[in-house]
Amino acid sequence: ASGSPSELLKSVEDVQRKEVAALKAMVELLIEKGVFSREEYLAKVKR
């Protein structure tokens, strides 16, 4: 990953956005399967 610091920062942000999207998709799937409720999830996240 050569390039300027700003380019490096941008690629890090892109990766983080993808990870957040993947995490949200996984959580949605678990909620659909009834592993836990949306309320339980939100309560954990808000701590």
PDB file of N, CA and C in Angstrom:
ATOM      1  N   ALA A   1       0.852  -1.202   0.000  1.00  0.00           N
ATOM      2  CA  ALA A   1       0.000   0.000   0.000  1.00  0.00           C
ATOM      3  C   ALA A   1       0.876   1.235   0.000  1.00  0.00           C
ATOM      4  N   SER A   2       1.457   1.529  -1.160  1.00  0.00           N
ATOM      5  CA  SER A   2       2.253   2.745  -1.268  1.00  0.00           C
ATOM      6  C   SER A   2       1.332   3.909  -1.595  1.00  0.00           C
ATOM      7  N   GLY A   3       1.838   5.115  -1.416  1.00  0.00           N
ATOM      8  CA  GLY A   3       1.018   6.289  -1.702  1.00  0.00           C
ATOM      9  C   GLY A   3       1.030   7.245  -0.536  1.00  0.00           C
ATOM     10  N   SER A   4       0.309   8.315  -0.711  1.00  0.00           N
ATOM     11  CA  SER A   4       0.281   9.360   0.304  1.00  0.00           C
ATOM     12  C   SER A   4      -0.535   8.933   1.514  1.00  0.00           C
ATOM     13  N   PRO A   5      -0.309   9.574   2.638  1.00  0.00           N
ATOM     14  CA  PRO A   5      -1.101   9.263   3.843  1.00  0.00           C
ATOM     15  C   PRO A   5      -2.604   9.384   3.614  1.00  0.00           C
ATOM     16  N   SER A   6      -3.014  10.367   2.820  1.00  0.00           N
ATOM     17  CA  SER A   6      -4.451  10.548   2.588  1.00  0.00           C
ATOM     18  C   SER A   6      -5.034   9.383   1.794  1.00  0.00           C
ATOM     19  N   GLU A   7      -4.258   8.831   0.860  1.00  0.00           N
ATOM     20  CA  GLU A   7      -4.720   7.664   0.098  1.00  0.00           C
ATOM     21  C   GLU A   7      -4.835   6.448   1.010  1.00  0.00           C
ATOM     22  N   LEU A   8      -3.865   6.309   1.892  1.00  0.00           N
ATOM     23  CA  LEU A   8      -3.862   5.204   2.847  1.00  0.00           C
ATOM     24  C   LEU A   8      -5.079   5.288   3.760  1.00  0.00           C
ATOM     25  N   LEU A   9      -5.357   6.494   4.241  1.00  0.00           N
ATOM     26  CA  LEU A   9      -6.501   6.713   5.121  1.00  0.00           C
ATOM     27  C   LEU A   9      -7.796   6.367   4.402  1.00  0.00           C
ATOM     28  N   LYS A  10      -7.884   6.741   3.136  1.00  0.00           N
ATOM     29  CA  LYS A  10      -9.096   6.472   2.365  1.00  0.00           C
ATOM     30  C   LYS A  10      -9.320   4.965   2.226  1.00  0.00           C
ATOM     31  N   SER A  11      -8.256   4.211   1.980  1.00  0.00           N
ATOM     32  CA  SER A  11      -8.408   2.758   1.832  1.00  0.00           C
ATOM     33  C   SER A  11      -8.805   2.115   3.155  1.00  0.00           C
ATOM     34  N   VAL A  12      -8.290   2.636   4.257  1.00  0.00           N
ATOM     35  CA  VAL A  12      -8.667   2.124   5.577  1.00  0.00           C
ATOM     36  C   VAL A  12     -10.149   2.375   5.820  1.00  0.00           C
ATOM     37  N   GLU A  13     -10.619   3.572   5.465  1.00  0.00           N
ATOM     38  CA  GLU A  13     -12.032   3.907   5.641  1.00  0.00           C
ATOM     39  C   GLU A  13     -12.916   3.002   4.794  1.00  0.00           C
ATOM     40  N   ASP A  14     -12.477   2.709   3.566  1.00  0.00           N
ATOM     41  CA  ASP A  14     -13.243   1.819   2.684  1.00  0.00           C
ATOM     42  C   ASP A  14     -13.391   0.439   3.319  1.00  0.00           C
ATOM     43  N   VAL A  15     -12.299  -0.079   3.868  1.00  0.00           N
ATOM     44  CA  VAL A  15     -12.317  -1.397   4.506  1.00  0.00           C
ATOM     45  C   VAL A  15     -13.261  -1.393   5.701  1.00  0.00           C
ATOM     46  N   GLN A  16     -13.185  -0.341   6.508  1.00  0.00           N
ATOM     47  CA  GLN A  16     -14.048  -0.252   7.688  1.00  0.00           C
ATOM     48  C   GLN A  16     -15.516  -0.227   7.287  1.00  0.00           C
ATOM     49  N   ARG A  17     -15.840   0.516   6.210  1.00  0.00           N
ATOM     50  CA  ARG A  17     -17.229   0.574   5.741  1.00  0.00           C
ATOM     51  C   ARG A  17     -17.718  -0.801   5.319  1.00  0.00           C
ATOM     52  N   LYS A  18     -16.865  -1.542   4.620  1.00  0.00           N
ATOM     53  CA  LYS A  18     -17.237  -2.895   4.178  1.00  0.00           C
ATOM     54  C   LYS A  18     -17.446  -3.810   5.382  1.00  0.00           C
ATOM     55  N   GLU A  19     -16.578  -3.688   6.382  1.00  0.00           N
ATOM     56  CA  GLU A  19     -16.705  -4.526   7.581  1.00  0.00           C
ATOM     57  C   GLU A  19     -17.987  -4.220   8.330  1.00  0.00           C
ATOM     58  N   VAL A  20     -18.326  -2.934   8.438  1.00  0.00           N
ATOM     59  CA  VAL A  20     -19.559  -2.530   9.117  1.00  0.00           C
ATOM     60  C   VAL A  20     -20.764  -3.094   8.370  1.00  0.00           C
ATOM     61  N   ALA A  21     -20.730  -3.015   7.037  1.00  0.00           N
ATOM     62  CA  ALA A  21     -21.837  -3.535   6.228  1.00  0.00           C
ATOM     63  C   ALA A  21     -21.980  -5.040   6.427  1.00  0.00           C
ATOM     64  N   ALA A  22     -20.859  -5.756   6.464  1.00  0.00           N
ATOM     65  CA  ALA A  22     -20.891  -7.206   6.647  1.00  0.00           C
ATOM     66  C   ALA A  22     -21.421  -7.563   8.031  1.00  0.00           C
ATOM     67  N   LEU A  23     -20.997  -6.798   9.029  1.00  0.00           N
ATOM     68  CA  LEU A  23     -21.448  -7.036  10.399  1.00  0.00           C
ATOM     69  C   LEU A  23     -22.955  -6.834  10.517  1.00  0.00           C
ATOM     70  N   LYS A  24     -23.448  -5.751   9.902  1.00  0.00           N
ATOM     71  CA  LYS A  24     -24.886  -5.481   9.934  1.00  0.00           C
ATOM     72  C   LYS A  24     -25.665  -6.598   9.261  1.00  0.00           C
ATOM     73  N   ALA A  25     -25.160  -7.090   8.134  1.00  0.00           N
ATOM     74  CA  ALA A  25     -25.830  -8.172   7.413  1.00  0.00           C
ATOM     75  C   ALA A  25     -25.882  -9.429   8.276  1.00  0.00           C
ATOM     76  N   MET A  26     -24.792  -9.718   8.976  1.00  0.00           N
ATOM     77  CA  MET A  26     -24.737 -10.894   9.841  1.00  0.00           C
ATOM     78  C   MET A  26     -25.727 -10.768  10.995  1.00  0.00           C
ATOM     79  N   VAL A  27     -25.785  -9.577  11.579  1.00  0.00           N
ATOM     80  CA  VAL A  27     -26.716  -9.331  12.682  1.00  0.00           C
ATOM     81  C   VAL A  27     -28.158  -9.502  12.210  1.00  0.00           C
ATOM     82  N   GLU A  28     -28.468  -8.943  11.036  1.00  0.00           N
ATOM     83  CA  GLU A  28     -29.821  -9.084  10.482  1.00  0.00           C
ATOM     84  C   GLU A  28     -30.190 -10.561  10.339  1.00  0.00           C
ATOM     85  N   LEU A  29     -29.234 -11.354   9.854  1.00  0.00           N
ATOM     86  CA  LEU A  29     -29.462 -12.781   9.654  1.00  0.00           C
ATOM     87  C   LEU A  29     -29.741 -13.478  10.988  1.00  0.00           C
ATOM     88  N   LEU A  30     -28.956 -13.154  12.003  1.00  0.00           N
ATOM     89  CA  LEU A  30     -29.145 -13.763  13.325  1.00  0.00           C
ATOM     90  C   LEU A  30     -30.491 -13.367  13.922  1.00  0.00           C
ATOM     91  N   ILE A  31     -30.893 -12.126  13.705  1.00  0.00           N
ATOM     92  CA  ILE A  31     -32.194 -11.669  14.204  1.00  0.00           C
ATOM     93  C   ILE A  31     -33.310 -12.440  13.496  1.00  0.00           C
ATOM     94  N   GLU A  32     -33.172 -12.594  12.179  1.00  0.00           N
ATOM     95  CA  GLU A  32     -34.170 -13.346  11.405  1.00  0.00           C
ATOM     96  C   GLU A  32     -34.281 -14.786  11.899  1.00  0.00           C
ATOM     97  N   LYS A  33     -33.130 -15.385  12.233  1.00  0.00           N
ATOM     98  CA  LYS A  33     -33.119 -16.772  12.719  1.00  0.00           C
ATOM     99  C   LYS A  33     -33.619 -16.874  14.156  1.00  0.00           C
ATOM    100  N   GLY A  34     -33.798 -15.725  14.808  1.00  0.00           N
ATOM    101  CA  GLY A  34     -34.305 -15.726  16.174  1.00  0.00           C
ATOM    102  C   GLY A  34     -33.239 -16.015  17.218  1.00  0.00           C
ATOM    103  N   VAL A  35     -31.976 -15.836  16.845  1.00  0.00           N
ATOM    104  CA  VAL A  35     -30.889 -16.051  17.797  1.00  0.00           C
ATOM    105  C   VAL A  35     -31.005 -15.026  18.922  1.00  0.00           C
ATOM    106  N   PHE A  36     -31.324 -13.793  18.552  1.00  0.00           N
ATOM    107  CA  PHE A  36     -31.648 -12.762  19.533  1.00  0.00           C
ATOM    108  C   PHE A  36     -32.549 -11.736  18.867  1.00  0.00           C
ATOM    109  N   SER A  37     -33.154 -10.904  19.667  1.00  0.00           N
ATOM    110  CA  SER A  37     -34.079  -9.904  19.129  1.00  0.00           C
ATOM    111  C   SER A  37     -33.338  -8.615  18.805  1.00  0.00           C
ATOM    112  N   ARG A  38     -33.938  -7.793  17.990  1.00  0.00           N
ATOM    113  CA  ARG A  38     -33.356  -6.501  17.655  1.00  0.00           C
ATOM    114  C   ARG A  38     -33.161  -5.666  18.933  1.00  0.00           C
ATOM    115  N   GLU A  39     -34.105  -5.787  19.867  1.00  0.00           N
ATOM    116  CA  GLU A  39     -34.014  -5.021  21.112  1.00  0.00           C
ATOM    117  C   GLU A  39     -32.779  -5.441  21.920  1.00  0.00           C
ATOM    118  N   GLU A  40     -32.550  -6.758  21.985  1.00  0.00           N
ATOM    119  CA  GLU A  40     -31.371  -7.256  22.704  1.00  0.00           C
ATOM    120  C   GLU A  40     -30.090  -6.751  22.043  1.00  0.00           C
ATOM    121  N   TYR A  41     -30.072  -6.793  20.721  1.00  0.00           N
ATOM    122  CA  TYR A  41     -28.897  -6.339  19.983  1.00  0.00           C
ATOM    123  C   TYR A  41     -28.634  -4.857  20.232  1.00  0.00           C
ATOM    124  N   LEU A  42     -29.678  -4.048  20.105  1.00  0.00           N
ATOM    125  CA  LEU A  42     -29.527  -2.609  20.306  1.00  0.00           C
ATOM    126  C   LEU A  42     -29.086  -2.289  21.732  1.00  0.00           C
ATOM    127  N   ALA A  43     -29.603  -3.042  22.692  1.00  0.00           N
ATOM    128  CA  ALA A  43     -29.215  -2.835  24.086  1.00  0.00           C
ATOM    129  C   ALA A  43     -27.719  -3.108  24.279  1.00  0.00           C
ATOM    130  N   LYS A  44     -27.207  -4.149  23.607  1.00  0.00           N
ATOM    131  CA  LYS A  44     -25.779  -4.467  23.705  1.00  0.00           C
ATOM    132  C   LYS A  44     -24.930  -3.385  23.050  1.00  0.00           C
ATOM    133  N   VAL A  45     -25.377  -2.909  21.900  1.00  0.00           N
ATOM    134  CA  VAL A  45     -24.615  -1.920  21.135  1.00  0.00           C
ATOM    135  C   VAL A  45     -24.566  -0.568  21.852  1.00  0.00           C
ATOM    136  N   LYS A  46     -25.646  -0.222  22.516  1.00  0.00           N
ATOM    137  CA  LYS A  46     -25.744   1.112  23.118  1.00  0.00           C
ATOM    138  C   LYS A  46     -24.926   1.266  24.402  1.00  0.00           C
ATOM    139  N   ARG A  47     -24.460   0.141  24.972  1.00  0.00           N
ATOM    140  CA  ARG A  47     -23.698   0.219  26.217  1.00  0.00           C
ATOM    141  C   ARG A  47     -22.470   1.102  26.105  1.00  0.00           C
TER     142      ARG A  47
END
